[in-house]
Amino acid sequence: MKTAIFITVRTGSKRLPNKALLEIQSIPTIVHLIRRMKKVQVDHIVLCTTLLKEDDILCDIASKEGIVFFRGSTKDKLDRWKGAAAKFGIDFFKRIFISLVFLIEDFQILLTWIRGSNIF
């Protein structure tokens, strides 16, 4: 079973534009999130963003942080997730949003449970 974390992010948020690029201690929040997610044992961490030019910076950050990215629909997150899963051969993924940057993630516990079950 191939597992992944899909970080769903774009710069064009209406409530707080560019929130992924806002800095905490001189580091963009997206970088904090990527580094936290690297502690989870998965096959891939995939940054899922849009095809818009304004989101190029997010792909640049993903590359610099050593993770892959997928670009897809501007409005349809599900389409982005489906495309990323197909491109990277993902069987199971957990989606994470930039607003959860400092949430303690229990994904590793969930993943251990799923690997030990017979649901796949």
Protein backbone atom coordinates (compact mmCIF):
# COMPACT_ATOMS: atom_id res chain seq x y z
CA MET A 1 0.00 0.00 0.00
CA LYS A 2 1.48 3.33 -1.09
CA THR A 3 0.69 6.18 1.32
CA ALA A 4 0.94 9.95 1.13
CA ILE A 5 0.19 13.23 2.78
CA PHE A 6 -1.41 15.72 0.40
CA ILE A 7 -0.72 19.30 1.47
CA THR A 8 -3.54 21.27 -0.14
CA VAL A 9 -2.51 24.88 -0.62
CA ARG A 10 -2.84 27.86 -2.94
CA THR A 11 -1.92 31.52 -2.68
CA GLY A 12 -5.35 32.80 -3.73
CA SER A 13 -7.24 32.25 -0.49
CA LYS A 14 -10.07 34.75 -0.05
CA ARG A 15 -10.05 34.86 3.75
CA LEU A 16 -6.28 35.25 4.17
CA PRO A 17 -4.43 35.62 0.87
CA ASN A 18 -0.89 34.21 0.76
CA LYS A 19 -1.28 32.62 4.22
CA ALA A 20 1.11 29.85 3.18
CA LEU A 21 3.80 32.46 2.64
CA LEU A 22 3.29 34.37 5.87
CA GLU A 23 6.37 34.02 8.02
CA ILE A 24 6.73 32.74 11.55
CA GLN A 25 10.25 33.31 12.88
CA SER A 26 11.36 34.26 9.33
CA ILE A 27 10.17 30.94 7.85
CA PRO A 28 7.06 30.67 5.62
CA THR A 29 4.23 28.69 7.23
CA ILE A 30 4.26 26.23 4.31
CA VAL A 31 7.87 25.35 5.14
CA HIS A 32 6.95 24.76 8.80
CA LEU A 33 4.15 22.45 7.67
CA ILE A 34 6.30 20.51 5.20
CA ARG A 35 8.99 19.97 7.82
CA ARG A 36 6.44 18.72 10.37
CA MET A 37 4.94 16.32 7.84
CA LYS A 38 8.38 14.92 6.98
CA LYS A 39 8.38 13.34 10.45
CA VAL A 40 5.51 11.05 9.41
CA GLN A 41 6.47 7.78 7.72
CA VAL A 42 4.76 7.88 4.33
CA ASP A 43 5.88 7.14 0.80
CA HIS A 44 5.24 10.67 -0.47
CA ILE A 45 4.46 14.13 0.73
CA VAL A 46 2.72 15.88 -2.15
CA LEU A 47 2.00 19.58 -2.33
CA CYS A 48 -1.29 19.88 -4.24
CA THR A 49 -1.82 23.31 -5.76
CA THR A 50 -3.33 25.00 -8.79
CA LEU A 51 -2.14 25.66 -12.31
CA LEU A 52 -2.13 29.43 -11.68
CA LYS A 53 1.16 31.26 -12.18
CA GLU A 54 0.81 32.82 -8.72
CA ASP A 55 1.23 29.32 -7.23
CA ASP A 56 4.61 28.75 -8.91
CA ILE A 57 6.28 29.92 -5.70
CA LEU A 58 4.65 27.06 -3.77
CA CYS A 59 6.07 24.53 -6.22
CA ASP A 60 9.50 26.15 -5.90
CA ILE A 61 9.29 25.81 -2.12
CA ALA A 62 8.19 22.17 -2.40
CA SER A 63 11.17 21.39 -4.62
CA LYS A 64 13.60 23.18 -2.30
CA GLU A 65 12.17 21.22 0.66
CA GLY A 66 12.60 17.93 -1.20
CA ILE A 67 8.96 17.01 -1.76
CA VAL A 68 6.97 16.51 -4.95
CA PHE A 69 4.05 18.63 -6.13
CA PHE A 70 0.97 18.22 -8.27
CA ARG A 71 -0.82 21.02 -10.10
CA GLY A 72 -4.46 20.82 -11.04
CA SER A 73 -7.86 22.47 -10.94
CA THR A 74 -8.13 25.93 -9.42
CA LYS A 75 -11.58 25.33 -7.95
CA ASP A 76 -11.84 21.56 -7.47
CA LYS A 77 -9.64 20.16 -4.67
CA LEU A 78 -11.02 16.66 -5.17
CA ASP A 79 -9.85 16.74 -8.78
CA ARG A 80 -6.37 17.75 -7.59
CA TRP A 81 -6.30 14.90 -5.09
CA LYS A 82 -7.46 12.36 -7.66
CA GLY A 83 -4.83 13.59 -10.13
CA ALA A 84 -2.04 13.45 -7.53
CA ALA A 85 -3.08 9.96 -6.42
CA ALA A 86 -3.05 8.75 -10.03
CA LYS A 87 0.27 10.42 -10.88
CA PHE A 88 2.12 9.00 -7.86
CA GLY A 89 0.25 5.69 -7.55
CA ILE A 90 -1.14 6.50 -4.10
CA ASP A 91 -3.52 4.00 -2.45
CA PHE A 92 -4.21 5.97 0.74
CA PHE A 93 -3.71 9.64 1.55
CA LYS A 94 -4.40 12.12 4.30
CA ARG A 95 -5.11 15.68 3.27
CA ILE A 96 -3.59 18.50 5.27
CA PHE A 97 -4.36 22.19 4.92
CA ILE A 98 -2.05 25.12 5.69
CA SER A 99 -4.42 26.25 8.46
CA LEU A 100 -3.35 23.11 10.40
CA VAL A 101 0.32 24.10 10.44
CA PHE A 102 0.76 23.60 14.19
CA LEU A 103 -1.84 20.93 14.85
CA ILE A 104 -0.29 17.80 16.36
CA GLU A 105 -0.96 15.27 13.62
CA ASP A 106 -2.07 11.75 14.55
CA PHE A 107 -1.64 10.52 11.00
CA GLN A 108 1.10 8.06 11.97
CA ILE A 109 -1.25 6.35 14.45
CA LEU A 110 -3.99 6.12 11.81
CA LEU A 111 -1.55 4.80 9.22
CA THR A 112 -0.27 2.10 11.59
CA TRP A 113 -3.84 1.00 12.25
CA ILE A 114 -4.69 0.84 8.55
CA ARG A 115 -1.55 -1.13 7.69
CA GLY A 116 -2.46 -3.64 10.40
CA SER A 117 -6.04 -4.06 9.19
CA ASN A 118 -7.39 -5.92 6.20
CA ILE A 119 -9.24 -3.01 4.59
CA PHE A 120 -6.84 -2.87 1.62
